[in-house]
């Protein structure tokens, strides 16, 4: 069912017809449709992304907890993102993350900036909420770039 829903969402991001209208009735039809279009939609393999995870909203309370968790476990290839590089640097130092932990400035209202951020990672973990107010551009950018999206 999730694949069917993902295939159905493709029409919103790349102008495809609705899979239901196109006669897609089951999971195998949806998988075929999804595989057919995903190659064209995601030309850069996400395994080549600079980061495995970007924590968006890392300077907020919940984002800081997530960043602290990754730091404590020695996770590599991740970055902290938010509106203010100064706040991100402050949190990075407070949680004891390595000084070379990448910091990315991005505003949820800037569609191009959000897309550029999504281009750099395999997984976007956002703690910026409320999601119905601040998440639309991020979800769209993740869908457009083939980035996995995680929120709370």
N, C-alpha and C. Protein backbone atom coordinates (compact mmCIF):
# COMPACT_ATOMS: atom_id res chain seq x y z
N UNK A 1 0.81 -1.19 0.00
CA UNK A 1 0.00 0.00 0.00
C UNK A 1 0.86 1.27 0.00
N UNK A 2 1.99 1.23 0.74
CA UNK A 2 2.86 2.41 0.78
C UNK A 2 3.44 2.72 -0.59
N UNK A 3 3.79 1.67 -1.34
CA UNK A 3 4.34 1.88 -2.69
C UNK A 3 3.26 2.49 -3.57
N UNK A 4 2.03 2.01 -3.44
CA UNK A 4 0.92 2.56 -4.22
C UNK A 4 0.75 4.04 -3.90
N UNK A 5 0.82 4.38 -2.62
CA UNK A 5 0.69 5.78 -2.22
C UNK A 5 1.87 6.60 -2.75
N UNK A 6 3.09 6.04 -2.71
CA UNK A 6 4.25 6.76 -3.23
C UNK A 6 4.09 7.00 -4.72
N UNK A 7 3.63 5.99 -5.43
CA UNK A 7 3.41 6.15 -6.87
C UNK A 7 2.34 7.19 -7.14
N UNK A 8 1.30 7.20 -6.31
CA UNK A 8 0.23 8.17 -6.49
C UNK A 8 0.73 9.59 -6.25
N UNK A 9 1.67 9.74 -5.32
CA UNK A 9 2.22 11.06 -5.02
C UNK A 9 3.11 11.59 -6.13
N UNK A 10 3.64 10.72 -6.98
CA UNK A 10 4.53 11.16 -8.05
C UNK A 10 3.88 12.23 -8.93
N UNK A 11 2.58 12.12 -9.14
CA UNK A 11 1.92 13.08 -10.02
C UNK A 11 2.03 14.50 -9.49
N UNK A 12 2.11 14.63 -8.17
CA UNK A 12 2.23 15.97 -7.58
C UNK A 12 3.60 16.57 -7.81
N UNK A 13 4.63 15.74 -7.90
CA UNK A 13 5.99 16.26 -7.95
C UNK A 13 6.55 16.33 -9.37
N UNK A 14 6.03 15.51 -10.29
CA UNK A 14 6.64 15.51 -11.61
C UNK A 14 5.61 15.49 -12.73
N UNK A 15 4.37 15.81 -12.45
CA UNK A 15 3.37 15.93 -13.49
C UNK A 15 2.86 14.63 -14.06
N UNK A 16 3.08 13.51 -13.40
CA UNK A 16 2.58 12.24 -13.90
C UNK A 16 1.08 12.15 -13.67
N UNK A 17 0.42 11.33 -14.47
CA UNK A 17 -1.00 11.12 -14.23
C UNK A 17 -1.17 10.30 -12.96
N UNK A 18 -2.32 10.37 -12.39
CA UNK A 18 -2.62 9.61 -11.19
C UNK A 18 -2.56 8.11 -11.52
N UNK A 19 -1.76 7.32 -10.78
CA UNK A 19 -1.67 5.89 -11.06
C UNK A 19 -3.02 5.19 -10.99
N UNK A 20 -3.89 5.65 -10.12
CA UNK A 20 -5.21 5.04 -10.02
C UNK A 20 -5.97 5.25 -11.33
N UNK A 21 -5.90 6.49 -11.86
CA UNK A 21 -6.54 6.78 -13.14
C UNK A 21 -5.90 6.02 -14.29
N UNK A 22 -4.60 5.68 -14.15
CA UNK A 22 -3.87 4.98 -15.21
C UNK A 22 -4.09 3.47 -15.14
N UNK A 23 -4.94 3.01 -14.23
CA UNK A 23 -5.24 1.60 -14.14
C UNK A 23 -4.38 0.83 -13.15
N UNK A 24 -3.61 1.53 -12.34
CA UNK A 24 -2.82 0.85 -11.32
C UNK A 24 -3.76 0.43 -10.21
N UNK A 25 -3.84 -0.87 -10.00
CA UNK A 25 -4.80 -1.36 -9.03
C UNK A 25 -4.16 -2.09 -7.87
N UNK A 26 -2.93 -2.50 -8.02
CA UNK A 26 -2.29 -3.28 -6.95
C UNK A 26 -0.85 -2.88 -6.76
N UNK A 27 -0.23 -3.51 -5.79
CA UNK A 27 1.14 -3.18 -5.44
C UNK A 27 2.11 -3.43 -6.59
N UNK A 28 1.96 -4.55 -7.31
CA UNK A 28 2.93 -4.84 -8.38
C UNK A 28 2.86 -3.81 -9.49
N UNK A 29 1.66 -3.34 -9.85
CA UNK A 29 1.53 -2.28 -10.85
C UNK A 29 2.16 -0.98 -10.35
N UNK A 30 1.96 -0.67 -9.07
CA UNK A 30 2.51 0.55 -8.50
C UNK A 30 4.03 0.48 -8.45
N UNK A 31 4.59 -0.68 -8.10
CA UNK A 31 6.03 -0.85 -8.06
C UNK A 31 6.62 -0.62 -9.45
N UNK A 32 5.98 -1.19 -10.47
CA UNK A 32 6.45 -1.01 -11.85
C UNK A 32 6.44 0.47 -12.23
N UNK A 33 5.36 1.17 -11.93
CA UNK A 33 5.26 2.59 -12.23
C UNK A 33 6.33 3.38 -11.49
N UNK A 34 6.48 3.07 -10.20
CA UNK A 34 7.45 3.78 -9.37
C UNK A 34 8.87 3.56 -9.89
N UNK A 35 9.24 2.29 -10.19
CA UNK A 35 10.57 1.99 -10.69
C UNK A 35 10.83 2.66 -12.03
N UNK A 36 9.82 2.68 -12.88
CA UNK A 36 9.96 3.28 -14.21
C UNK A 36 10.30 4.77 -14.11
N UNK A 37 9.64 5.48 -13.22
CA UNK A 37 9.84 6.92 -13.12
C UNK A 37 10.97 7.31 -12.17
N UNK A 38 11.30 6.45 -11.21
CA UNK A 38 12.31 6.85 -10.22
C UNK A 38 13.68 7.00 -10.85
N UNK A 39 14.01 6.22 -11.87
CA UNK A 39 15.31 6.36 -12.53
C UNK A 39 15.44 7.74 -13.15
N UNK A 40 14.39 8.21 -13.77
CA UNK A 40 14.41 9.53 -14.40
C UNK A 40 14.36 10.65 -13.35
N UNK A 41 13.65 10.39 -12.27
CA UNK A 41 13.49 11.43 -11.26
C UNK A 41 14.73 11.63 -10.41
N UNK A 42 15.47 10.57 -10.13
CA UNK A 42 16.60 10.64 -9.21
C UNK A 42 17.88 10.25 -9.94
N UNK A 43 18.39 11.12 -10.79
CA UNK A 43 19.55 10.76 -11.61
C UNK A 43 20.83 10.55 -10.80
N UNK A 44 20.99 11.21 -9.66
CA UNK A 44 22.18 11.03 -8.83
C UNK A 44 21.87 10.01 -7.76
N UNK A 45 22.66 8.96 -7.72
CA UNK A 45 22.44 7.92 -6.71
C UNK A 45 22.62 8.52 -5.32
N UNK A 46 21.68 8.29 -4.45
CA UNK A 46 21.76 8.86 -3.11
C UNK A 46 22.90 8.25 -2.31
N UNK A 47 23.43 7.10 -2.74
CA UNK A 47 24.58 6.53 -2.05
C UNK A 47 25.80 7.42 -2.22
N UNK A 48 25.76 8.32 -3.20
CA UNK A 48 26.87 9.25 -3.44
C UNK A 48 26.66 10.59 -2.73
N UNK A 49 25.62 10.70 -1.94
CA UNK A 49 25.34 11.95 -1.24
C UNK A 49 26.45 12.23 -0.23
N UNK A 50 26.68 13.50 0.02
CA UNK A 50 27.72 13.90 0.96
C UNK A 50 27.44 13.40 2.38
N UNK A 51 26.15 13.41 2.78
CA UNK A 51 25.78 13.01 4.13
C UNK A 51 24.78 11.86 4.10
N UNK A 52 24.82 11.06 5.16
CA UNK A 52 23.79 10.03 5.33
C UNK A 52 22.55 10.65 5.97
N UNK A 53 22.78 11.58 6.90
CA UNK A 53 21.67 12.21 7.64
C UNK A 53 21.94 13.70 7.81
N UNK A 54 20.93 14.50 7.58
CA UNK A 54 20.95 15.90 8.00
C UNK A 54 19.84 16.07 9.02
N UNK A 55 20.20 16.63 10.17
CA UNK A 55 19.20 16.96 11.19
C UNK A 55 18.82 18.41 10.97
N UNK A 56 17.60 18.61 10.48
CA UNK A 56 17.11 19.96 10.21
C UNK A 56 16.34 20.44 11.43
N UNK A 57 16.78 21.55 11.99
CA UNK A 57 16.21 22.05 13.24
C UNK A 57 17.09 21.63 14.42
N UNK A 58 18.37 21.41 14.15
CA UNK A 58 19.28 20.88 15.16
C UNK A 58 19.53 21.84 16.31
N UNK A 59 19.21 23.12 16.16
CA UNK A 59 19.44 24.06 17.26
C UNK A 59 18.24 24.15 18.20
N UNK A 60 17.14 23.53 17.86
CA UNK A 60 15.98 23.50 18.74
C UNK A 60 16.11 22.40 19.79
N UNK A 61 15.16 22.34 20.70
CA UNK A 61 15.24 21.38 21.81
C UNK A 61 15.33 19.94 21.32
N UNK A 62 14.39 19.52 20.48
CA UNK A 62 14.35 18.12 20.02
C UNK A 62 15.50 17.84 19.06
N UNK A 63 15.79 18.78 18.17
CA UNK A 63 16.91 18.60 17.25
C UNK A 63 18.23 18.44 17.98
N UNK A 64 18.37 19.18 19.04
CA UNK A 64 19.59 19.05 19.86
C UNK A 64 19.69 17.66 20.46
N UNK A 65 18.59 17.12 20.95
CA UNK A 65 18.61 15.76 21.51
C UNK A 65 19.02 14.73 20.45
N UNK A 66 18.51 14.88 19.24
CA UNK A 66 18.87 13.96 18.16
C UNK A 66 20.35 14.10 17.83
N UNK A 67 20.84 15.33 17.71
CA UNK A 67 22.25 15.57 17.42
C UNK A 67 23.14 15.00 18.52
N UNK A 68 22.72 15.17 19.75
CA UNK A 68 23.47 14.63 20.88
C UNK A 68 23.52 13.10 20.82
N UNK A 69 22.42 12.49 20.44
CA UNK A 69 22.35 11.04 20.29
C UNK A 69 23.34 10.55 19.24
N UNK A 70 23.37 11.19 18.07
CA UNK A 70 24.29 10.79 17.00
C UNK A 70 25.74 10.99 17.43
N UNK A 71 26.00 12.08 18.12
CA UNK A 71 27.35 12.38 18.60
C UNK A 71 27.81 11.31 19.59
N UNK A 72 26.95 10.97 20.54
CA UNK A 72 27.30 10.00 21.58
C UNK A 72 27.60 8.62 20.99
N UNK A 73 27.02 8.31 19.86
CA UNK A 73 27.21 7.00 19.24
C UNK A 73 28.28 7.00 18.15
N UNK A 74 28.92 8.14 17.96
CA UNK A 74 30.01 8.22 17.00
C UNK A 74 29.59 8.07 15.55
N UNK A 75 28.35 8.44 15.25
CA UNK A 75 27.84 8.35 13.88
C UNK A 75 28.63 9.32 13.00
N UNK A 76 28.98 8.86 11.81
CA UNK A 76 29.73 9.69 10.86
C UNK A 76 28.81 10.13 9.73
N UNK A 77 29.28 11.04 8.90
CA UNK A 77 28.58 11.50 7.69
C UNK A 77 27.20 12.09 7.98
N UNK A 78 27.15 12.98 8.95
CA UNK A 78 25.89 13.67 9.24
C UNK A 78 26.18 15.16 9.39
N UNK A 79 25.13 15.95 9.30
CA UNK A 79 25.27 17.40 9.41
C UNK A 79 24.12 17.97 10.22
N UNK A 80 24.35 19.14 10.76
CA UNK A 80 23.34 19.88 11.50
C UNK A 80 22.86 21.03 10.62
N UNK A 81 21.56 21.24 10.56
CA UNK A 81 21.00 22.30 9.72
C UNK A 81 19.96 23.10 10.49
N UNK A 82 19.84 24.36 10.11
CA UNK A 82 18.86 25.26 10.70
C UNK A 82 19.02 26.65 10.12
N UNK A 83 18.29 27.60 10.65
CA UNK A 83 18.33 28.96 10.11
C UNK A 83 19.59 29.72 10.48
N UNK A 84 20.16 29.43 11.64
CA UNK A 84 21.27 30.23 12.16
C UNK A 84 22.53 29.39 12.35
N UNK A 85 23.58 29.72 11.59
CA UNK A 85 24.85 29.01 11.76
C UNK A 85 25.43 29.24 13.15
N UNK A 86 25.20 30.42 13.72
CA UNK A 86 25.72 30.71 15.05
C UNK A 86 25.07 29.81 16.10
N UNK A 87 23.75 29.65 16.03
CA UNK A 87 23.06 28.77 16.99
C UNK A 87 23.47 27.32 16.79
N UNK A 88 23.63 26.91 15.54
CA UNK A 88 24.07 25.54 15.27
C UNK A 88 25.46 25.29 15.85
N UNK A 89 26.37 26.24 15.67
CA UNK A 89 27.72 26.10 16.21
C UNK A 89 27.69 26.03 17.74
N UNK A 90 26.83 26.83 18.34
CA UNK A 90 26.69 26.82 19.79
C UNK A 90 26.22 25.45 20.28
N UNK A 91 25.21 24.89 19.62
CA UNK A 91 24.70 23.58 20.02
C UNK A 91 25.76 22.51 19.77
N UNK A 92 26.44 22.58 18.62
CA UNK A 92 27.50 21.62 18.31
C UNK A 92 28.53 21.58 19.44
N UNK A 93 28.93 22.76 19.91
CA UNK A 93 29.92 22.83 20.98
C UNK A 93 29.36 22.33 22.31
N UNK A 94 28.11 22.67 22.61
CA UNK A 94 27.48 22.26 23.88
C UNK A 94 27.32 20.75 23.99
N UNK A 95 27.03 20.08 22.87
CA UNK A 95 26.80 18.63 22.94
C UNK A 95 28.08 17.83 22.76
N UNK A 96 29.19 18.51 22.50
CA UNK A 96 30.46 17.82 22.35
C UNK A 96 30.67 17.16 21.00
N UNK A 97 29.94 17.63 19.99
CA UNK A 97 30.15 17.12 18.64
C UNK A 97 31.51 17.60 18.13
N UNK A 98 32.13 16.84 17.25
CA UNK A 98 33.42 17.29 16.70
C UNK A 98 33.29 18.68 16.08
N UNK A 99 34.35 19.47 16.20
CA UNK A 99 34.35 20.83 15.68
C UNK A 99 34.18 20.90 14.17
N UNK A 100 34.44 19.79 13.48
CA UNK A 100 34.28 19.78 12.02
C UNK A 100 32.93 19.22 11.58
N UNK A 101 32.00 19.05 12.52
CA UNK A 101 30.66 18.63 12.15
C UNK A 101 30.06 19.69 11.24
N UNK A 102 29.64 19.32 10.02
CA UNK A 102 29.14 20.32 9.08
C UNK A 102 27.87 21.00 9.58
N UNK A 103 27.80 22.30 9.31
CA UNK A 103 26.63 23.11 9.65
C UNK A 103 26.07 23.69 8.36
N UNK A 104 24.76 23.60 8.20
CA UNK A 104 24.10 24.06 6.98
C UNK A 104 23.01 25.06 7.35
N UNK A 105 23.08 26.24 6.74
CA UNK A 105 22.04 27.25 6.95
C UNK A 105 20.94 27.04 5.92
N UNK A 106 19.71 26.90 6.39
CA UNK A 106 18.57 26.74 5.50
C UNK A 106 17.32 27.24 6.20
N UNK A 107 16.48 27.94 5.45
CA UNK A 107 15.22 28.47 5.96
C UNK A 107 14.08 27.72 5.28
N UNK A 108 13.11 27.27 6.05
CA UNK A 108 12.01 26.47 5.51
C UNK A 108 11.16 27.22 4.49
N UNK A 109 11.26 28.55 4.44
CA UNK A 109 10.52 29.34 3.46
C UNK A 109 11.26 29.51 2.13
N UNK A 110 12.51 29.06 2.07
CA UNK A 110 13.33 29.20 0.88
C UNK A 110 13.39 27.87 0.15
N UNK A 111 12.52 27.69 -0.85
CA UNK A 111 12.41 26.41 -1.56
C UNK A 111 13.73 25.99 -2.21
N UNK A 112 14.46 26.93 -2.80
CA UNK A 112 15.72 26.58 -3.45
C UNK A 112 16.78 26.17 -2.43
N UNK A 113 16.83 26.87 -1.31
CA UNK A 113 17.76 26.52 -0.25
C UNK A 113 17.46 25.17 0.36
N UNK A 114 16.19 24.88 0.55
CA UNK A 114 15.77 23.59 1.10
C UNK A 114 16.11 22.47 0.12
N UNK A 115 15.88 22.71 -1.17
CA UNK A 115 16.22 21.69 -2.18
C UNK A 115 17.72 21.44 -2.20
N UNK A 116 18.52 22.51 -2.13
CA UNK A 116 19.98 22.37 -2.12
C UNK A 116 20.42 21.54 -0.91
N UNK A 117 19.77 21.73 0.23
CA UNK A 117 20.09 20.95 1.41
C UNK A 117 19.74 19.48 1.18
N UNK A 118 18.59 19.22 0.60
CA UNK A 118 18.15 17.83 0.34
C UNK A 118 19.07 17.13 -0.65
N UNK A 119 19.62 17.87 -1.60
CA UNK A 119 20.54 17.29 -2.58
C UNK A 119 21.78 16.69 -1.92
N UNK A 120 22.10 17.13 -0.71
CA UNK A 120 23.34 16.72 -0.05
C UNK A 120 23.21 15.47 0.82
N UNK A 121 22.01 14.93 0.98
CA UNK A 121 21.84 13.86 1.96
C UNK A 121 20.95 12.73 1.48
N UNK A 122 21.10 11.59 2.13
CA UNK A 122 20.23 10.44 1.86
C UNK A 122 18.95 10.52 2.69
N UNK A 123 19.09 11.01 3.94
CA UNK A 123 17.95 11.08 4.87
C UNK A 123 17.87 12.48 5.45
N UNK A 124 16.67 13.06 5.39
CA UNK A 124 16.41 14.36 6.02
C UNK A 124 15.56 14.09 7.25
N UNK A 125 16.13 14.34 8.42
CA UNK A 125 15.41 14.16 9.67
C UNK A 125 15.08 15.56 10.18
N UNK A 126 13.81 15.91 10.18
CA UNK A 126 13.42 17.26 10.58
C UNK A 126 12.73 17.27 11.93
N UNK A 127 13.09 18.27 12.70
CA UNK A 127 12.42 18.52 13.98
C UNK A 127 11.81 19.92 13.97
N UNK A 128 11.72 20.51 12.79
CA UNK A 128 11.16 21.85 12.63
C UNK A 128 9.64 21.73 12.52
N UNK A 129 8.95 22.25 13.48
CA UNK A 129 7.50 22.15 13.46
C UNK A 129 6.87 23.47 13.87
N UNK A 130 5.59 23.55 13.81
CA UNK A 130 4.66 22.49 13.38
C UNK A 130 4.80 22.20 11.88
N UNK A 131 4.78 20.92 11.55
CA UNK A 131 5.07 20.48 10.19
C UNK A 131 4.07 20.99 9.17
N UNK A 132 2.81 21.14 9.57
CA UNK A 132 1.82 21.64 8.61
C UNK A 132 2.08 23.09 8.23
N UNK A 133 2.84 23.82 9.04
CA UNK A 133 3.19 25.20 8.70
C UNK A 133 4.54 25.33 8.02
N UNK A 134 5.50 24.51 8.43
CA UNK A 134 6.87 24.67 7.96
C UNK A 134 7.41 23.51 7.15
N UNK A 135 6.60 22.51 6.87
CA UNK A 135 7.12 21.31 6.25
C UNK A 135 6.86 21.12 4.78
N UNK A 136 5.96 21.90 4.16
CA UNK A 136 5.56 21.64 2.78
C UNK A 136 6.72 21.71 1.79
N UNK A 137 7.52 22.74 1.88
CA UNK A 137 8.63 22.88 0.94
C UNK A 137 9.68 21.79 1.15
N UNK A 138 9.87 21.40 2.39
CA UNK A 138 10.85 20.35 2.69
C UNK A 138 10.37 19.00 2.14
N UNK A 139 9.11 18.66 2.36
CA UNK A 139 8.57 17.40 1.85
C UNK A 139 8.65 17.39 0.32
N UNK A 140 8.30 18.50 -0.31
CA UNK A 140 8.37 18.58 -1.77
C UNK A 140 9.80 18.41 -2.26
N UNK A 141 10.76 19.05 -1.59
CA UNK A 141 12.16 18.93 -1.99
C UNK A 141 12.67 17.51 -1.80
N UNK A 142 12.27 16.86 -0.73
CA UNK A 142 12.67 15.46 -0.51
C UNK A 142 12.12 14.57 -1.62
N UNK A 143 10.87 14.76 -1.96
CA UNK A 143 10.26 13.96 -3.03
C UNK A 143 10.96 14.23 -4.36
N UNK A 144 11.27 15.47 -4.62
CA UNK A 144 11.91 15.85 -5.88
C UNK A 144 13.32 15.30 -6.00
N UNK A 145 14.05 15.22 -4.89
CA UNK A 145 15.45 14.80 -4.92
C UNK A 145 15.66 13.34 -4.55
N UNK A 146 14.61 12.64 -4.17
CA UNK A 146 14.75 11.24 -3.78
C UNK A 146 15.35 11.06 -2.40
N UNK A 147 15.17 12.06 -1.57
CA UNK A 147 15.70 12.03 -0.21
C UNK A 147 14.65 11.44 0.73
N UNK A 148 15.07 10.50 1.58
CA UNK A 148 14.14 9.95 2.56
C UNK A 148 13.83 11.02 3.59
N UNK A 149 12.56 11.10 3.99
CA UNK A 149 12.07 12.14 4.90
C UNK A 149 11.62 11.49 6.20
N UNK A 150 12.08 12.06 7.33
CA UNK A 150 11.67 11.58 8.64
C UNK A 150 11.31 12.78 9.50
N UNK A 151 10.14 12.71 10.15
CA UNK A 151 9.81 13.70 11.17
C UNK A 151 9.26 12.96 12.38
N UNK A 152 8.93 13.71 13.39
CA UNK A 152 8.48 13.07 14.64
C UNK A 152 7.03 12.70 14.59
